[in-house]
Amino acid sequence: MSRLKSISTELLHIIEALHAVTNVDIIIVDDNLDRVVSTVKRDDEISSRAPLDSAFHKCIKTGEQYFIENPRENQICFLCSNTKICKEMIEFCIPIRYDDKIIGVLGMCAYDDKAKQNLLTNKESYMNFESQLSELISTIISEKNIMKMLEYRSSEMLTLINSLNEGIIVLNNNKEIVSTNRYINERLNINIDRLPELSYLLTERIFNKLAEVGFNGEAGPVKLNGMEFVINANPIMVKGHQEGFVLVLSDFNKMKESVQESNRKNDLITFDDIVGESEVLLQARREAIQVADSDASVLIYGETGTGKEVFARAIHNLSKRKNNVFMAINCGAIPENLIESELFGYEKGSFTGANSSGKPGKFEISSDGTLFLDEIGDLPFLMQVKLNRALEEREIIRVGGNTPIKVNPRVISATHKNLSSLVEKNSFRDDLYYRLNVVPIFLPPLRERGYDVIILSRYFLNHFSRVYNKDIKEFSLDAEVLLLRYKFPGNIRELRNLVEYAVIFEQNNIIGTENLKRKINQAPEAENLKLADLTKAYEKSVIQNKIKKLGNDLDAKKQVARQLGISIATLYRKIDE
């Protein structure tokens, strides 16, 4: 559509007003010679297009005005296809400009002597009308464009608001509802043709709570129509003036799920989190990656603290089950009389203390995910039979129940024991052993991983320096030699614990051997210490480090007492002890 056709209604009002004042007929054509509007009522003068090679046509081509008396005798009109039937006595053509382009022509035509005399008398005024005409039409087009843009923006905003998964309620300054979006209409059953009062929709209690914060803050979670929402109110400001309020109602349960999902992603363990460069570790890593995407049972061998669960989680998070549950259970940490109900669940009333509605077991919960059976070598012999049957038949029966339940978890097991030796001694079932041991993966102890000790130590140092907000950059050379020589019977778990201890008590920006030796030398003795002795040892260490940091004079000791939350008398007593 041409620009002039887009404002045809406005143009018609203009030419009809001019016609009423001047008695001159007016025609406006666009740059395609299409007649846009006209005041001509004569049937023989009305057609959809202006003639080719007419004054209208030449005006568009040249951008010049044409004032023509007796058009049928004027050479400008000789080639006009409408010359022989033309009834015009005078024709005046004015180009219409917009953005420095000719977009059409306004033609003034006289069909009688009165109109002819008017045009002749006011010829000069009409010829000066061009600039005002172009300015007028430019203004109309600009306003039309602005209105279209506003309509578009309004429609765009409405579409956006209706696509949100949050409720939107717009209020005026009197706290009356002006509009709502589709989301909240559906959840709170709002009739948009009869918008309710806000206090009725939200209840008086919630309305008053929002009023207390001046409708500029948060309220909730609140229950509305069976759903929980958090309501966030904000004023609408236009050029510094408040023009109402907007309420955003967010689904509280989805917010909780989002937080849980965020935490789950933060806890996500992948093979990139497995630190080390020793060949024995890299071999285990390669095997785990290769088997991850299958559903084959994996049995991870390794001493306590070598990271068996970390490997199991990394396998799960690389598998096709990664979006489902990873469920871990320590087979050696659960009493024998409870292990079956933990694995298979129980029906209501199965035993004293049972949940009144029953409870699903780990097999059910992880049916589409991964079940990690840690310390499988400690599983009681009777449970080995039941576990083997569950794995073979892919179904379980809850304790106290009799209905088989289909389950299909991917099973990863782990042990620090030699299962093949247990099988030979008839303390572990061979059929279960072979079912679990489809893909064995051996995790080497830390003492066999060489320089990985230093790589891991530096990794833990960076981590705990951030946790405890300390500026500790590295280990001294002597400290790294000490770490390399130590055997780490507790493996990675012990190394992590040792580095954390050193970071806590180190006063310099380099960890030396002092704190490391103290912790290493304390470790064997601590096994035989009572809780009271361990507490005293810890207190002594804390007090000594505080005094070393702040000083040994009276003022420094008062500051130590304040920081520890004890009296100066208590501090002196503990120092004497």
Protein backbone atom coordinates (compact mmCIF):
# COMPACT_ATOMS: atom_id res chain seq x y z
CA MET A 1 0.00 0.00 0.00
CA SER A 2 1.27 3.49 -0.91
CA ARG A 3 1.89 6.02 1.84
CA LEU A 4 -1.01 8.21 0.65
CA LYS A 5 -3.47 5.31 0.60
CA SER A 6 -2.49 4.54 4.22
CA ILE A 7 -3.83 7.98 5.24
CA SER A 8 -6.75 8.17 2.80
CA THR A 9 -9.30 8.82 5.53
CA GLU A 10 -7.39 11.83 6.82
CA LEU A 11 -6.83 13.13 3.27
CA LEU A 12 -10.52 12.90 2.46
CA HIS A 13 -11.35 15.10 5.46
CA ILE A 14 -8.80 17.68 4.26
CA ILE A 15 -9.96 17.90 0.62
CA GLU A 16 -13.63 17.98 1.58
CA ALA A 17 -12.90 20.93 3.86
CA LEU A 18 -10.98 22.71 1.06
CA HIS A 19 -13.77 21.98 -1.42
CA ALA A 20 -16.38 23.41 0.93
CA VAL A 21 -14.41 26.66 1.24
CA THR A 22 -13.19 27.07 -2.38
CA ASN A 23 -15.89 25.29 -4.43
CA VAL A 24 -12.93 23.77 -6.30
CA ASP A 25 -12.85 19.99 -6.82
CA ILE A 26 -9.75 18.26 -5.55
CA ILE A 27 -8.19 14.94 -6.54
CA ILE A 28 -5.18 13.27 -4.93
CA VAL A 29 -3.31 10.51 -6.75
CA ASP A 30 -0.31 8.53 -5.54
CA ASP A 31 2.96 7.86 -7.38
CA ASN A 32 1.29 4.97 -9.24
CA LEU A 33 -1.38 7.39 -10.57
CA ASP A 34 -4.00 5.62 -8.49
CA ARG A 35 -6.72 7.99 -7.33
CA VAL A 36 -6.56 8.00 -3.53
CA VAL A 37 -9.38 10.48 -2.72
CA SER A 38 -11.53 12.86 -4.77
CA THR A 39 -14.38 15.37 -4.39
CA VAL A 40 -15.44 14.96 -8.03
CA LYS A 41 -19.01 13.67 -8.22
CA ARG A 42 -19.33 13.59 -12.04
CA ASP A 43 -19.51 9.97 -13.24
CA ASP A 44 -17.65 10.76 -16.43
CA GLU A 45 -14.70 12.18 -14.50
CA ILE A 46 -14.29 9.31 -12.03
CA SER A 47 -11.94 6.39 -12.72
CA SER A 48 -9.49 4.39 -10.64
CA ARG A 49 -6.37 5.93 -12.22
CA ALA A 50 -5.26 9.27 -13.57
CA PRO A 51 -4.53 9.21 -17.34
CA LEU A 52 -1.04 8.50 -18.64
CA ASP A 53 0.87 11.56 -19.94
CA SER A 54 -1.56 13.79 -18.12
CA ALA A 55 -0.50 16.81 -16.06
CA PHE A 56 -0.73 14.53 -12.99
CA HIS A 57 1.69 12.13 -14.63
CA LYS A 58 4.16 14.86 -15.63
CA CYS A 59 3.97 16.45 -12.18
CA ILE A 60 5.07 13.15 -10.61
CA LYS A 61 7.91 12.78 -13.13
CA THR A 62 9.29 16.32 -12.91
CA GLY A 63 8.24 17.46 -9.45
CA GLU A 64 7.05 20.75 -10.98
CA GLN A 65 3.72 22.56 -10.54
CA TYR A 66 1.40 22.87 -13.52
CA PHE A 67 -1.30 25.58 -13.74
CA ILE A 68 -3.24 24.84 -16.94
CA GLU A 69 -6.05 26.90 -18.42
CA ASN A 70 -8.21 25.18 -21.06
CA PRO A 71 -6.47 21.80 -20.69
CA ARG A 72 -7.79 20.46 -24.01
CA GLU A 73 -5.93 23.22 -25.85
CA ASN A 74 -2.72 23.19 -23.76
CA GLN A 75 0.33 21.39 -25.20
CA ILE A 76 1.05 19.83 -21.79
CA CYS A 77 -2.12 17.81 -22.22
CA PHE A 78 -1.82 16.98 -25.95
CA LEU A 79 -0.61 13.43 -25.28
CA CYS A 80 -3.02 12.80 -22.41
CA SER A 81 -5.21 9.80 -23.11
CA ASN A 82 -8.18 11.66 -21.62
CA THR A 83 -7.94 14.90 -23.63
CA LYS A 84 -11.00 14.42 -25.87
CA ILE A 85 -13.42 13.81 -23.01
CA CYS A 86 -11.86 16.19 -20.47
CA LYS A 87 -14.43 18.60 -18.94
CA GLU A 88 -11.96 20.59 -16.86
CA MET A 89 -11.81 24.37 -17.42
CA ILE A 90 -8.70 24.83 -15.25
CA GLU A 91 -6.36 22.26 -13.76
CA PHE A 92 -3.72 22.96 -11.12
CA CYS A 93 -1.29 20.15 -10.10
CA ILE A 94 0.88 20.38 -6.96
CA PRO A 95 3.50 17.67 -6.21
CA ILE A 96 3.26 16.05 -2.78
CA ARG A 97 6.67 15.46 -1.20
CA TYR A 98 7.72 13.22 1.68
CA ASP A 99 11.33 12.54 2.68
CA ASP A 100 12.47 14.47 -0.43
CA LYS A 101 10.54 12.14 -2.73
CA ILE A 102 7.44 12.72 -4.88
CA ILE A 103 4.79 10.42 -3.45
CA GLY A 104 1.78 11.84 -5.32
CA VAL A 105 -0.07 14.86 -6.69
CA LEU A 106 -2.86 17.10 -5.42
CA GLY A 107 -4.93 18.35 -8.31
CA MET A 108 -7.38 21.32 -8.14
CA CYS A 109 -9.93 21.24 -10.97
CA ALA A 110 -12.60 23.78 -12.00
CA TYR A 111 -15.67 22.46 -13.81
CA ASP A 112 -17.70 25.71 -13.76
CA ASP A 113 -17.07 29.43 -14.06
CA LYS A 114 -17.30 30.10 -10.34
CA ALA A 115 -14.61 27.56 -9.54
CA LYS A 116 -12.55 28.80 -12.49
CA GLN A 117 -12.71 32.37 -11.23
CA ASN A 118 -11.69 31.23 -7.75
CA LEU A 119 -8.61 29.47 -9.08
CA LEU A 120 -7.60 32.40 -11.28
CA THR A 121 -8.10 34.94 -8.49
CA ASN A 122 -6.11 32.92 -5.92
CA LYS A 123 -3.57 31.40 -8.28
CA GLU A 124 -0.54 32.77 -6.45
CA SER A 125 -1.81 31.63 -3.06
CA TYR A 126 -2.52 28.14 -4.34
CA MET A 127 0.91 27.94 -5.94
CA ASN A 128 2.47 28.77 -2.56
CA PHE A 129 0.40 26.00 -0.96
CA GLU A 130 2.87 23.26 -1.93
CA SER A 131 5.20 23.58 1.05
CA GLN A 132 2.34 23.70 3.55
CA LEU A 133 0.70 20.72 1.82
CA SER A 134 3.87 18.60 1.99
CA GLU A 135 4.41 19.54 5.63
CA LEU A 136 0.81 18.71 6.49
CA ILE A 137 0.91 15.32 4.79
CA SER A 138 4.34 14.57 6.28
CA THR A 139 2.93 15.26 9.74
CA ILE A 140 -0.08 13.03 9.10
CA ILE A 141 2.10 10.18 7.82
CA SER A 142 4.51 10.52 10.77
CA GLU A 143 1.64 10.49 13.25
CA LYS A 144 0.14 7.51 11.46
CA ASN A 145 3.48 5.72 11.65
CA ILE A 146 3.78 6.56 15.35
CA MET A 147 0.28 5.24 15.99
CA LYS A 148 1.09 2.05 14.07
CA MET A 149 4.30 1.67 16.02
CA LEU A 150 2.45 2.22 19.29
CA GLU A 151 -0.18 -0.32 18.28
CA TYR A 152 2.56 -2.75 17.31
CA ARG A 153 4.49 -2.17 20.52
CA SER A 154 1.29 -2.55 22.53
CA SER A 155 0.45 -5.78 20.71
CA GLU A 156 4.04 -6.97 21.10
CA MET A 157 4.01 -6.19 24.82
CA LEU A 158 0.65 -7.90 25.29
CA THR A 159 1.92 -10.99 23.45
CA LEU A 160 5.06 -11.02 25.58
CA ILE A 161 3.14 -10.60 28.84
CA ASN A 162 0.71 -13.37 27.88
CA SER A 163 3.59 -15.70 27.04
CA LEU A 164 5.18 -15.35 30.50
CA ASN A 165 5.04 -18.23 32.96
CA GLU A 166 4.36 -15.71 35.71
CA GLY A 167 1.24 -13.82 36.68
CA ILE A 168 1.06 -10.12 35.78
CA ILE A 169 -1.49 -7.73 37.36
CA VAL A 170 -1.37 -4.05 36.39
CA LEU A 171 -2.94 -1.54 38.80
CA ASN A 172 -3.70 2.18 38.62
CA ASN A 173 -2.78 4.57 41.42
CA ASN A 174 -6.03 3.71 43.21
CA LYS A 175 -4.94 0.04 43.41
CA GLU A 176 -7.67 -0.92 40.94
CA ILE A 177 -6.91 -3.74 38.48
CA VAL A 178 -6.38 -2.39 34.97
CA SER A 179 -5.25 -5.55 33.20
CA THR A 180 -4.04 -9.09 33.81
CA ASN A 181 -2.21 -11.67 31.72
CA ARG A 182 -3.38 -15.08 30.54
CA TYR A 183 -1.27 -16.99 33.09
CA ILE A 184 -2.89 -15.46 36.17
CA ASN A 185 -6.35 -15.40 34.57
CA GLU A 186 -6.20 -19.19 34.21
CA ARG A 187 -4.76 -19.87 37.68
CA LEU A 188 -7.05 -17.56 39.63
CA ASN A 189 -10.12 -17.92 37.38
CA ILE A 190 -10.27 -14.19 36.56
CA ASN A 191 -13.03 -12.96 34.24
CA ILE A 192 -11.36 -10.19 32.21
CA ASP A 193 -14.76 -8.65 31.40
CA ARG A 194 -15.45 -8.17 35.11
CA LEU A 195 -12.15 -7.59 36.85
CA PRO A 196 -12.46 -8.11 40.63
CA GLU A 197 -11.22 -5.83 43.38
CA LEU A 198 -7.61 -6.50 44.30
CA SER A 199 -8.38 -7.10 47.99
CA TYR A 200 -10.95 -9.73 47.00
CA LEU A 201 -8.58 -11.42 44.52
CA LEU A 202 -5.58 -11.52 46.87
CA THR A 203 -7.50 -11.50 50.21
CA GLU A 204 -7.45 -8.62 52.69
CA ARG A 205 -4.44 -10.05 54.54
CA ILE A 206 -2.19 -10.12 51.49
CA PHE A 207 -3.50 -6.74 50.28
CA ASN A 208 -2.62 -5.20 53.64
CA LYS A 209 0.81 -6.84 53.56
CA LEU A 210 1.54 -5.23 50.19
CA ALA A 211 0.16 -1.93 51.45
CA GLU A 212 2.60 -2.05 54.38
CA VAL A 213 5.52 -1.95 51.92
CA GLY A 214 3.82 0.70 49.77
CA PHE A 215 3.29 -1.79 46.92
CA ASN A 216 7.03 -1.72 46.40
CA GLY A 217 8.49 -5.00 47.62
CA GLU A 218 7.89 -8.70 48.08
CA ALA A 219 5.18 -10.67 49.84
CA GLY A 220 4.91 -14.41 50.21
CA PRO A 221 4.88 -17.21 49.75
CA VAL A 222 1.07 -16.91 49.84
CA LYS A 223 -1.57 -19.46 48.91
CA LEU A 224 -4.16 -18.42 46.30
CA ASN A 225 -6.66 -20.83 44.77
CA GLY A 226 -4.62 -23.83 45.95
CA MET A 227 -1.30 -22.53 44.57
CA GLU A 228 1.62 -20.87 46.34
CA PHE A 229 2.93 -17.60 44.92
CA VAL A 230 5.61 -15.08 45.74
CA ILE A 231 4.27 -11.60 44.87
CA ASN A 232 6.65 -8.85 43.82
CA ALA A 233 5.15 -5.33 43.57
CA ASN A 234 6.79 -2.39 41.76
CA PRO A 235 5.59 1.13 40.94
CA ILE A 236 5.22 2.14 37.27
CA MET A 237 7.14 5.39 36.74
CA VAL A 238 6.56 7.63 33.71
CA LYS A 239 8.84 10.69 33.45
CA GLY A 240 9.36 10.70 37.18
CA HIS A 241 5.66 10.37 38.03
CA GLN A 242 4.02 7.25 39.42
CA GLU A 243 1.33 5.97 37.08
CA GLY A 244 0.30 2.77 38.84
CA PHE A 245 1.81 -0.53 39.92
CA VAL A 246 2.63 -3.93 38.48
CA LEU A 247 2.39 -7.14 40.49
CA VAL A 248 4.40 -10.20 39.41
CA LEU A 249 3.13 -13.49 40.86
CA SER A 250 5.73 -16.29 40.63
CA ASP A 251 4.96 -19.96 41.26
CA PHE A 252 6.74 -20.72 44.55
CA ASN A 253 7.02 -24.46 43.83
CA LYS A 254 8.72 -23.79 40.49
CA MET A 255 11.10 -21.42 42.24
CA LYS A 256 12.01 -24.18 44.69
CA GLU A 257 12.46 -26.66 41.84
CA SER A 258 14.69 -24.16 40.04
CA VAL A 259 16.88 -23.80 43.13
CA GLN A 260 17.06 -27.57 43.54
CA GLU A 261 17.98 -27.98 39.87
CA SER A 262 20.64 -25.29 40.23
CA ASN A 263 22.05 -27.10 43.26
CA ARG A 264 21.97 -30.37 41.35
CA LYS A 265 23.94 -28.80 38.51
CA ASN A 266 26.41 -27.31 40.97
CA ASP A 267 26.91 -30.77 42.47
CA LEU A 268 27.33 -32.33 39.05
CA ILE A 269 30.45 -34.46 38.91
CA THR A 270 32.04 -35.26 35.56
CA PHE A 271 35.30 -36.86 34.52
CA ASP A 272 36.75 -33.36 34.26
CA ASP A 273 36.47 -33.19 38.06
CA ILE A 274 38.72 -36.24 38.48
CA VAL A 275 42.14 -34.70 39.06
CA GLY A 276 45.39 -36.48 38.25
CA GLU A 277 47.81 -37.39 35.48
CA SER A 278 49.24 -40.75 36.56
CA GLU A 279 48.89 -43.54 34.02
CA VAL A 280 47.09 -45.86 36.48
CA LEU A 281 44.42 -43.19 37.06
CA LEU A 282 44.14 -42.32 33.37
CA GLN A 283 43.63 -46.02 32.56
CA ALA A 284 40.76 -46.24 35.06
CA ARG A 285 39.32 -43.03 33.62
CA ARG A 286 39.47 -44.35 30.04
CA GLU A 287 37.73 -47.58 31.02
CA ALA A 288 35.00 -45.71 32.91
CA ILE A 289 34.34 -43.36 29.98
CA GLN A 290 34.16 -46.28 27.58
CA VAL A 291 31.59 -48.17 29.63
CA ALA A 292 29.56 -45.11 30.75
CA ASP A 293 26.99 -45.07 27.95
CA SER A 294 26.10 -48.75 28.27
CA ASP A 295 23.92 -50.33 30.95
CA ALA A 296 26.58 -52.87 31.88
CA SER A 297 27.17 -53.46 35.60
CA VAL A 298 30.38 -51.92 36.86
CA LEU A 299 32.35 -52.98 39.93
CA ILE A 300 34.82 -50.39 41.19
CA TYR A 301 37.69 -51.69 43.32
CA GLY A 302 39.70 -49.41 45.52
CA GLU A 303 40.82 -48.68 49.05
CA THR A 304 38.74 -46.43 51.26
CA GLY A 305 39.11 -42.80 50.18
CA THR A 306 40.24 -43.43 46.61
CA GLY A 307 37.13 -41.74 45.11
CA LYS A 308 34.94 -44.70 44.16
CA GLU A 309 31.69 -42.73 44.49
CA VAL A 310 33.16 -39.83 42.50
CA PHE A 311 33.87 -42.27 39.65
CA ALA A 312 30.38 -43.76 39.94
CA ARG A 313 28.76 -40.30 39.71
CA ALA A 314 30.94 -39.37 36.73
CA ILE A 315 29.88 -42.58 34.95
CA HIS A 316 26.22 -41.79 35.66
CA ASN A 317 26.53 -38.19 34.42
CA LEU A 318 28.06 -39.36 31.15
CA SER A 319 25.40 -42.03 30.59
CA LYS A 320 22.01 -41.87 28.87
CA ARG A 321 20.47 -41.99 32.38
CA LYS A 322 22.10 -38.72 33.45
CA ASN A 323 18.78 -36.85 33.71
CA ASN A 324 17.40 -39.43 36.15
CA VAL A 325 18.21 -40.27 39.76
CA PHE A 326 21.63 -41.30 41.05
CA MET A 327 20.97 -43.16 44.31
CA ALA A 328 23.81 -44.24 46.61
CA ILE A 329 23.56 -46.68 49.50
CA ASN A 330 26.36 -47.89 51.76
CA CYS A 331 25.73 -51.60 52.25
CA GLY A 332 28.05 -51.75 55.27
CA ALA A 333 26.57 -48.79 57.14
CA ILE A 334 22.96 -49.99 57.43
CA PRO A 335 21.91 -52.50 60.12
CA GLU A 336 21.23 -55.98 58.74
CA ASN A 337 17.57 -55.90 59.79
CA LEU A 338 16.97 -52.67 57.81
CA ILE A 339 18.98 -53.24 54.64
CA GLU A 340 16.13 -55.06 52.84
CA SER A 341 13.60 -52.30 53.50
CA GLU A 342 16.16 -49.68 52.38
CA LEU A 343 16.78 -51.50 49.11
CA PHE A 344 13.29 -52.74 48.31
CA GLY A 345 11.00 -50.49 50.40
CA TYR A 346 8.12 -51.60 52.60
CA GLU A 347 4.33 -51.54 52.75
CA LYS A 348 2.46 -49.70 55.50
CA GLY A 349 2.39 -51.45 58.84
CA SER A 350 5.20 -53.82 57.89
CA PHE A 351 7.06 -53.33 61.16
CA THR A 352 7.09 -51.20 64.29
CA GLY A 353 8.17 -47.65 63.50
CA ALA A 354 7.44 -47.98 59.78
CA ASN A 355 5.94 -45.05 57.90
CA SER A 356 2.15 -45.32 58.08
CA SER A 357 1.84 -45.00 54.29
CA GLY A 358 4.76 -47.25 53.37
CA LYS A 359 7.95 -46.22 51.58
CA PRO A 360 9.60 -46.99 48.24
CA GLY A 361 13.11 -48.42 48.34
CA LYS A 362 16.26 -47.38 46.53
CA PHE A 363 15.54 -49.78 43.66
CA GLU A 364 12.18 -48.13 42.92
CA ILE A 365 13.46 -44.58 43.30
CA SER A 366 16.39 -45.16 40.94
CA SER A 367 14.50 -47.41 38.50
CA ASP A 368 15.30 -45.25 35.47
CA GLY A 369 18.59 -43.98 36.89
CA THR A 370 21.67 -45.42 38.56
CA LEU A 371 21.91 -47.36 41.84
CA PHE A 372 25.32 -47.18 43.51
CA LEU A 373 25.94 -50.02 45.96
CA ASP A 374 28.95 -48.90 47.99
CA GLU A 375 30.88 -51.42 50.12
CA ILE A 376 29.04 -54.28 48.45
CA GLY A 377 31.45 -56.73 50.10
CA ASP A 378 29.80 -55.97 53.47
CA LEU A 379 26.32 -56.99 52.30
CA PRO A 380 24.87 -59.76 54.50
CA PHE A 381 24.80 -63.18 52.84
CA LEU A 382 20.99 -63.51 52.95
CA MET A 383 20.59 -60.11 51.27
CA GLN A 384 23.02 -61.22 48.58
CA VAL A 385 20.47 -63.87 47.56
CA LYS A 386 17.63 -61.34 47.38
CA LEU A 387 19.75 -58.77 45.58
CA ASN A 388 20.83 -61.33 42.98
CA ARG A 389 17.21 -62.32 42.36
CA ALA A 390 16.18 -58.66 41.99
CA LEU A 391 18.96 -58.06 39.45
CA GLU A 392 18.14 -61.23 37.55
CA GLU A 393 14.35 -60.75 37.37
CA ARG A 394 14.39 -56.95 37.26
CA GLU A 395 11.66 -56.81 39.87
CA ILE A 396 11.36 -56.49 43.63
CA ILE A 397 8.73 -57.07 46.30
CA ARG A 398 8.44 -54.60 49.13
CA VAL A 399 8.85 -55.82 52.69
CA GLY A 400 5.37 -56.80 53.92
CA GLY A 401 3.99 -56.85 50.39
CA ASN A 402 3.28 -59.51 47.78
CA THR A 403 3.00 -57.53 44.54
CA PRO A 404 6.05 -57.65 42.23
CA ILE A 405 7.28 -54.22 41.11
CA LYS A 406 9.26 -53.89 37.87
CA VAL A 407 12.55 -52.02 38.28
CA ASN A 408 15.43 -51.33 35.91
CA PRO A 409 18.27 -49.35 37.52
CA ARG A 410 21.77 -49.40 36.15
CA VAL A 411 23.89 -50.90 38.98
CA ILE A 412 27.38 -49.69 39.87
CA SER A 413 29.02 -51.38 42.86
CA ALA A 414 32.14 -50.58 44.82
CA THR A 415 34.29 -52.37 47.39
CA HIS A 416 37.62 -52.14 49.14
CA LYS A 417 37.63 -55.91 49.65
CA ASN A 418 38.89 -58.71 47.40
CA LEU A 419 35.54 -60.18 46.31
CA SER A 420 37.07 -63.12 44.43
CA SER A 421 38.78 -64.14 47.68
CA LEU A 422 35.45 -63.84 49.53
CA VAL A 423 33.83 -66.03 46.88
CA GLU A 424 36.48 -68.71 47.45
CA LYS A 425 35.73 -68.56 51.18
CA ASN A 426 31.98 -68.88 50.48
CA SER A 427 31.27 -65.56 52.20
CA PHE A 428 30.15 -63.89 48.96
CA ARG A 429 27.86 -65.54 46.42
CA ASP A 430 29.57 -66.35 43.15
CA ASP A 431 26.42 -65.76 41.05
CA LEU A 432 26.05 -62.23 42.45
CA TYR A 433 29.78 -61.63 42.04
CA TYR A 434 29.69 -62.46 38.34
CA ARG A 435 26.52 -60.41 37.83
CA LEU A 436 28.11 -57.34 39.40
CA ASN A 437 31.61 -57.81 38.04
CA VAL A 438 30.82 -57.41 34.32
CA VAL A 439 33.21 -54.46 34.01
CA PRO A 440 35.77 -54.20 36.82
CA ILE A 441 37.57 -50.88 37.30
CA PHE A 442 40.50 -50.58 39.68
CA LEU A 443 41.21 -47.26 41.39
CA PRO A 444 44.82 -47.09 42.58
CA PRO A 445 45.67 -45.91 46.10
CA LEU A 446 47.18 -42.44 46.34
CA ARG A 447 50.63 -43.80 47.26
CA GLU A 448 50.81 -45.45 43.81
CA ARG A 449 49.88 -42.29 41.88
CA GLY A 450 53.22 -40.50 42.18
CA TYR A 451 53.08 -36.79 41.35
CA ASP A 452 49.25 -36.82 41.49
CA VAL A 453 49.76 -36.16 45.22
CA ILE A 454 51.12 -32.70 44.40
CA ILE A 455 48.50 -32.02 41.71
CA LEU A 456 45.72 -32.90 44.15
CA SER A 457 47.35 -30.97 46.98
CA ARG A 458 47.48 -27.80 44.90
CA TYR A 459 43.89 -28.35 43.77
CA PHE A 460 42.71 -28.63 47.40
CA LEU A 461 44.89 -25.67 48.40
CA ASN A 462 43.19 -23.40 45.84
CA HIS A 463 39.77 -24.67 46.92
CA PHE A 464 40.22 -24.19 50.66
CA SER A 465 42.00 -20.86 50.25
CA ARG A 466 38.80 -19.58 48.63
CA VAL A 467 36.57 -21.26 51.21
CA TYR A 468 38.44 -19.75 54.18
CA ASN A 469 39.23 -16.47 52.38
CA LYS A 470 42.99 -16.86 52.76
CA ASP A 471 45.74 -15.65 50.47
CA ILE A 472 47.83 -18.82 50.39
CA LYS A 473 49.51 -19.35 47.06
CA GLU A 474 51.57 -22.53 47.30
CA PHE A 475 53.43 -25.17 49.31
CA SER A 476 57.08 -24.82 50.20
CA LEU A 477 59.46 -27.26 48.53
CA ASP A 478 59.98 -29.09 51.84
CA ALA A 479 56.21 -29.39 52.27
CA GLU A 480 55.80 -30.96 48.81
CA VAL A 481 58.64 -33.41 49.53
CA LEU A 482 56.89 -34.35 52.77
CA LEU A 483 53.60 -34.90 50.92
CA LEU A 484 55.31 -37.10 48.31
CA ARG A 485 56.99 -39.27 50.98
CA TYR A 486 53.89 -39.75 53.11
CA LYS A 487 51.94 -42.98 52.39
CA PHE A 488 48.40 -41.59 52.89
CA PRO A 489 46.64 -44.64 54.32
CA GLY A 490 43.39 -42.64 54.07
CA ASN A 491 44.10 -41.83 50.40
CA ILE A 492 42.48 -38.76 48.75
CA ARG A 493 40.09 -38.23 51.68
CA GLU A 494 43.04 -37.98 54.07
CA LEU A 495 44.95 -35.64 51.73
CA ARG A 496 41.93 -33.34 51.46
CA ASN A 497 41.56 -33.33 55.24
CA LEU A 498 45.28 -32.63 55.70
CA VAL A 499 45.34 -29.68 53.26
CA GLU A 500 42.20 -28.17 54.82
CA TYR A 501 43.81 -28.37 58.27
CA ALA A 502 47.00 -26.73 56.99
CA VAL A 503 45.07 -23.91 55.29
CA ILE A 504 43.09 -23.18 58.48
CA PHE A 505 46.16 -22.88 60.72
CA GLU A 506 48.75 -21.47 58.31
CA GLN A 507 49.68 -17.86 59.15
CA ASN A 508 51.83 -17.20 56.07
CA ASN A 509 51.01 -17.21 52.36
CA ILE A 510 53.05 -20.40 51.80
CA ILE A 511 52.26 -23.68 53.52
CA GLY A 512 55.34 -25.10 55.18
CA THR A 513 55.92 -28.43 56.91
CA GLU A 514 54.94 -27.36 60.46
CA ASN A 515 51.16 -27.75 60.24
CA LEU A 516 51.44 -30.75 57.93
CA LYS A 517 53.72 -32.60 60.37
CA ARG A 518 51.53 -31.72 63.32
CA LYS A 519 48.48 -33.20 61.62
CA ILE A 520 50.33 -36.25 60.27
CA ASN A 521 51.93 -36.99 63.65
CA GLN A 522 48.64 -36.54 65.48
CA ALA A 523 46.77 -38.92 63.24
CA PRO A 524 47.85 -42.29 64.77
CA GLU A 525 47.57 -41.01 68.34
CA ALA A 526 44.12 -39.55 67.73
CA GLU A 527 42.67 -43.01 67.18
CA ASN A 528 43.08 -43.74 70.90
CA LEU A 529 42.04 -40.31 72.23
CA LYS A 530 38.76 -39.65 74.00
CA LEU A 531 36.44 -36.87 72.77
CA ALA A 532 37.44 -34.62 75.69
CA ASP A 533 41.12 -35.01 74.81
CA LEU A 534 40.46 -34.22 71.15
CA THR A 535 38.47 -31.13 72.16
CA LYS A 536 41.28 -29.90 74.44
CA ALA A 537 43.84 -30.45 71.70
CA TYR A 538 41.75 -28.45 69.25
CA GLU A 539 41.22 -25.64 71.80
CA LYS A 540 44.95 -25.52 72.46
CA SER A 541 45.72 -25.26 68.76
CA VAL A 542 43.16 -22.46 68.22
CA ILE A 543 44.37 -20.43 71.23
CA GLN A 544 48.03 -20.83 70.31
CA ASN A 545 47.41 -19.63 66.76
CA LYS A 546 45.36 -16.65 67.95
CA ILE A 547 48.10 -15.57 70.37
CA LYS A 548 50.73 -16.10 67.70
CA LYS A 549 48.75 -13.84 65.36
CA LEU A 550 47.63 -11.09 67.80
CA GLY A 551 50.43 -11.07 70.39
CA ASN A 552 51.17 -12.20 73.96
CA ASP A 553 50.60 -9.00 75.94
CA LEU A 554 47.51 -8.25 78.04
CA ASP A 555 45.71 -6.16 75.38
CA ALA A 556 46.30 -8.84 72.76
CA LYS A 557 44.99 -11.55 75.08
CA LYS A 558 41.86 -9.48 75.77
CA GLN A 559 41.31 -9.28 72.02
CA VAL A 560 41.82 -13.07 71.73
CA ALA A 561 39.23 -13.61 74.47
CA ARG A 562 36.75 -11.32 72.70
CA GLN A 563 37.21 -13.10 69.39
CA LEU A 564 36.74 -16.51 71.02
CA GLY A 565 33.71 -15.34 73.02
CA ILE A 566 35.20 -16.18 76.44
CA SER A 567 36.30 -14.11 79.43
CA ILE A 568 39.94 -13.18 79.99
CA ALA A 569 39.91 -15.31 83.16
CA THR A 570 38.76 -18.35 81.14
CA LEU A 571 41.47 -17.69 78.57
CA TYR A 572 44.20 -17.62 81.26
CA ARG A 573 42.81 -20.81 82.80
CA LYS A 574 42.92 -22.60 79.43
CA ILE A 575 46.46 -21.31 78.81
CA ASP A 576 47.55 -22.70 82.20
CA GLU A 577 45.94 -26.03 81.38
